[in-house]
Amino acid sequence: MAVTVSMTLGMTGSIVGSTMAGYMIKDACEPMFYTFGGLLIQRLVRGQFTALNVPDLRAIAQKAAGASSNAHV
């Protein structure tokens, strides 16, 4: 039941968002592009994209291997 409600709300949100974007393009095209472009640049500068925040898995694995080898000594 929870999955059904979640999927329904997600689809409703995408329909509402698409409709609003259509009206914004029709009525205020330039401000919409500047707003979304500004948000994109702001997120890039602040490093909010998950691809920029991926930890170095090799360093984590080496630390874990070093900790486990020191524990047996």
N, C-alpha and C. Protein backbone atom coordinates (compact mmCIF):
# COMPACT_ATOMS: atom_id res chain seq x y z
N MET A 1 0.82 -1.19 0.00
CA MET A 1 0.00 0.00 0.00
C MET A 1 0.86 1.26 0.00
N ALA A 2 1.94 1.23 0.80
CA ALA A 2 2.81 2.39 0.87
C ALA A 2 3.50 2.65 -0.46
N VAL A 3 3.86 1.56 -1.15
CA VAL A 3 4.50 1.73 -2.46
C VAL A 3 3.53 2.33 -3.46
N THR A 4 2.28 1.90 -3.39
CA THR A 4 1.26 2.44 -4.30
C THR A 4 1.06 3.93 -4.08
N VAL A 5 0.96 4.34 -2.83
CA VAL A 5 0.79 5.76 -2.52
C VAL A 5 2.01 6.55 -2.96
N SER A 6 3.18 6.01 -2.71
CA SER A 6 4.41 6.69 -3.10
C SER A 6 4.50 6.86 -4.61
N MET A 7 4.19 5.81 -5.34
CA MET A 7 4.24 5.90 -6.81
C MET A 7 3.18 6.87 -7.34
N THR A 8 2.00 6.86 -6.75
CA THR A 8 0.93 7.75 -7.19
C THR A 8 1.31 9.20 -6.95
N LEU A 9 1.84 9.49 -5.79
CA LEU A 9 2.26 10.87 -5.51
C LEU A 9 3.41 11.30 -6.40
N GLY A 10 4.31 10.38 -6.70
CA GLY A 10 5.42 10.70 -7.60
C GLY A 10 4.94 11.04 -9.00
N MET A 11 4.01 10.23 -9.49
CA MET A 11 3.46 10.51 -10.84
C MET A 11 2.66 11.79 -10.85
N THR A 12 1.91 12.05 -9.79
CA THR A 12 1.15 13.30 -9.71
C THR A 12 2.08 14.50 -9.68
N GLY A 13 3.17 14.38 -8.94
CA GLY A 13 4.15 15.46 -8.90
C GLY A 13 4.79 15.73 -10.25
N SER A 14 5.07 14.67 -11.00
CA SER A 14 5.67 14.88 -12.32
C SER A 14 4.68 15.51 -13.28
N ILE A 15 3.41 15.15 -13.17
CA ILE A 15 2.40 15.77 -14.04
C ILE A 15 2.25 17.25 -13.69
N VAL A 16 2.16 17.57 -12.41
CA VAL A 16 2.03 18.96 -11.98
C VAL A 16 3.27 19.76 -12.38
N GLY A 17 4.45 19.18 -12.17
CA GLY A 17 5.69 19.88 -12.53
C GLY A 17 5.80 20.13 -14.02
N SER A 18 5.41 19.15 -14.83
CA SER A 18 5.46 19.34 -16.28
C SER A 18 4.47 20.41 -16.73
N THR A 19 3.29 20.41 -16.13
CA THR A 19 2.29 21.42 -16.49
C THR A 19 2.77 22.81 -16.10
N MET A 20 3.33 22.93 -14.89
CA MET A 20 3.83 24.23 -14.45
C MET A 20 4.98 24.71 -15.33
N ALA A 21 5.87 23.79 -15.71
CA ALA A 21 6.99 24.18 -16.57
C ALA A 21 6.48 24.66 -17.93
N GLY A 22 5.44 24.01 -18.44
CA GLY A 22 4.85 24.44 -19.71
C GLY A 22 4.29 25.85 -19.63
N TYR A 23 3.56 26.14 -18.54
CA TYR A 23 3.03 27.50 -18.36
C TYR A 23 4.16 28.51 -18.17
N MET A 24 5.21 28.12 -17.47
CA MET A 24 6.31 29.04 -17.25
C MET A 24 7.05 29.34 -18.55
N ILE A 25 7.20 28.33 -19.39
CA ILE A 25 7.87 28.57 -20.68
C ILE A 25 7.02 29.51 -21.53
N LYS A 26 5.70 29.30 -21.48
CA LYS A 26 4.81 30.13 -22.29
C LYS A 26 4.78 31.57 -21.80
N ASP A 27 4.70 31.75 -20.49
CA ASP A 27 4.52 33.10 -19.95
C ASP A 27 5.83 33.81 -19.58
N ALA A 28 6.79 33.07 -19.05
CA ALA A 28 8.03 33.70 -18.55
C ALA A 28 9.21 32.80 -18.89
N CYS A 29 9.53 32.73 -20.15
CA CYS A 29 10.56 31.80 -20.61
C CYS A 29 11.95 32.16 -20.07
N GLU A 30 12.33 33.40 -20.23
CA GLU A 30 13.68 33.80 -19.85
C GLU A 30 13.95 33.68 -18.35
N PRO A 31 13.06 34.15 -17.47
CA PRO A 31 13.33 33.99 -16.03
C PRO A 31 13.41 32.52 -15.60
N MET A 32 12.61 31.67 -16.24
CA MET A 32 12.65 30.26 -15.87
C MET A 32 14.03 29.66 -16.17
N PHE A 33 14.56 29.94 -17.35
CA PHE A 33 15.86 29.38 -17.69
C PHE A 33 16.97 29.96 -16.82
N TYR A 34 16.90 31.25 -16.51
CA TYR A 34 17.90 31.84 -15.62
C TYR A 34 17.80 31.26 -14.21
N THR A 35 16.58 31.00 -13.74
CA THR A 35 16.40 30.43 -12.40
C THR A 35 16.98 29.03 -12.32
N PHE A 36 16.59 28.18 -13.26
CA PHE A 36 17.08 26.81 -13.23
C PHE A 36 18.58 26.73 -13.53
N GLY A 37 19.06 27.58 -14.42
CA GLY A 37 20.49 27.63 -14.68
C GLY A 37 21.28 28.11 -13.46
N GLY A 38 20.73 29.10 -12.77
CA GLY A 38 21.38 29.59 -11.55
C GLY A 38 21.41 28.53 -10.46
N LEU A 39 20.31 27.79 -10.31
CA LEU A 39 20.29 26.70 -9.33
C LEU A 39 21.31 25.63 -9.67
N LEU A 40 21.42 25.30 -10.95
CA LEU A 40 22.39 24.30 -11.39
C LEU A 40 23.82 24.74 -11.08
N ILE A 41 24.14 25.98 -11.39
CA ILE A 41 25.49 26.49 -11.13
C ILE A 41 25.75 26.56 -9.62
N GLN A 42 24.74 26.96 -8.85
CA GLN A 42 24.90 27.02 -7.40
C GLN A 42 25.19 25.63 -6.84
N ARG A 43 24.48 24.62 -7.29
CA ARG A 43 24.72 23.26 -6.81
C ARG A 43 26.10 22.77 -7.22
N LEU A 44 26.54 23.12 -8.40
CA LEU A 44 27.88 22.71 -8.84
C LEU A 44 28.95 23.36 -7.97
N VAL A 45 28.78 24.63 -7.69
CA VAL A 45 29.76 25.35 -6.89
C VAL A 45 29.80 24.80 -5.47
N ARG A 46 28.64 24.52 -4.91
CA ARG A 46 28.58 24.02 -3.54
C ARG A 46 28.89 22.52 -3.44
N GLY A 47 29.00 21.84 -4.56
CA GLY A 47 29.33 20.43 -4.55
C GLY A 47 28.20 19.55 -4.07
N GLN A 48 26.98 19.88 -4.44
CA GLN A 48 25.83 19.13 -3.97
C GLN A 48 25.50 17.92 -4.83
N PHE A 49 26.16 17.76 -5.95
CA PHE A 49 25.89 16.59 -6.76
C PHE A 49 26.57 15.38 -6.13
N THR A 50 25.89 14.26 -6.12
CA THR A 50 26.42 13.08 -5.45
C THR A 50 27.67 12.56 -6.14
N ALA A 51 27.79 12.78 -7.43
CA ALA A 51 28.98 12.31 -8.14
C ALA A 51 30.24 13.01 -7.65
N LEU A 52 30.09 14.24 -7.16
CA LEU A 52 31.25 14.97 -6.65
C LEU A 52 31.58 14.59 -5.21
N ASN A 53 30.65 13.92 -4.52
CA ASN A 53 30.83 13.60 -3.11
C ASN A 53 31.10 12.12 -2.88
N VAL A 54 31.45 11.38 -3.91
CA VAL A 54 31.71 9.95 -3.76
C VAL A 54 33.04 9.76 -3.03
N PRO A 55 33.06 8.99 -1.96
CA PRO A 55 34.31 8.79 -1.24
C PRO A 55 35.28 7.93 -2.04
N ASP A 56 36.55 8.07 -1.72
CA ASP A 56 37.59 7.28 -2.38
C ASP A 56 37.55 5.87 -1.79
N LEU A 57 36.96 4.94 -2.53
CA LEU A 57 36.77 3.58 -2.02
C LEU A 57 38.08 2.84 -1.83
N ARG A 58 39.08 3.14 -2.65
CA ARG A 58 40.38 2.46 -2.50
C ARG A 58 41.04 2.83 -1.17
N ALA A 59 40.97 4.11 -0.81
CA ALA A 59 41.57 4.56 0.45
C ALA A 59 40.83 3.94 1.63
N ILE A 60 39.52 3.84 1.54
CA ILE A 60 38.75 3.22 2.61
C ILE A 60 39.10 1.75 2.74
N ALA A 61 39.25 1.05 1.62
CA ALA A 61 39.60 -0.36 1.65
C ALA A 61 41.01 -0.57 2.21
N GLN A 62 41.94 0.31 1.86
CA GLN A 62 43.30 0.19 2.38
C GLN A 62 43.34 0.45 3.88
N LYS A 63 42.56 1.41 4.36
CA LYS A 63 42.50 1.66 5.80
C LYS A 63 41.91 0.47 6.53
N ALA A 64 40.88 -0.13 5.95
CA ALA A 64 40.25 -1.28 6.57
C ALA A 64 41.20 -2.47 6.59
N ALA A 65 41.95 -2.66 5.50
CA ALA A 65 42.91 -3.76 5.45
C ALA A 65 44.04 -3.53 6.44
N GLY A 66 44.48 -2.29 6.57
CA GLY A 66 45.53 -1.97 7.54
C GLY A 66 45.05 -2.14 8.97
N ALA A 67 43.82 -1.80 9.24
CA ALA A 67 43.28 -1.95 10.59
C ALA A 67 43.10 -3.42 10.94
N SER A 68 42.69 -4.22 9.98
CA SER A 68 42.48 -5.65 10.28
C SER A 68 43.81 -6.38 10.44
N SER A 69 44.85 -5.96 9.69
CA SER A 69 46.15 -6.63 9.85
C SER A 69 46.81 -6.22 11.17
N ASN A 70 46.57 -5.01 11.64
CA ASN A 70 47.11 -4.58 12.93
C ASN A 70 46.37 -5.22 14.10
N ALA A 71 45.14 -5.61 13.91
CA ALA A 71 44.35 -6.20 14.98
C ALA A 71 44.83 -7.61 15.31
N HIS A 72 45.43 -8.32 14.34
CA HIS A 72 45.89 -9.69 14.54
C HIS A 72 47.26 -9.76 15.16
N VAL A 73 47.98 -8.66 15.26
CA VAL A 73 49.33 -8.67 15.77
C VAL A 73 49.37 -8.68 17.26
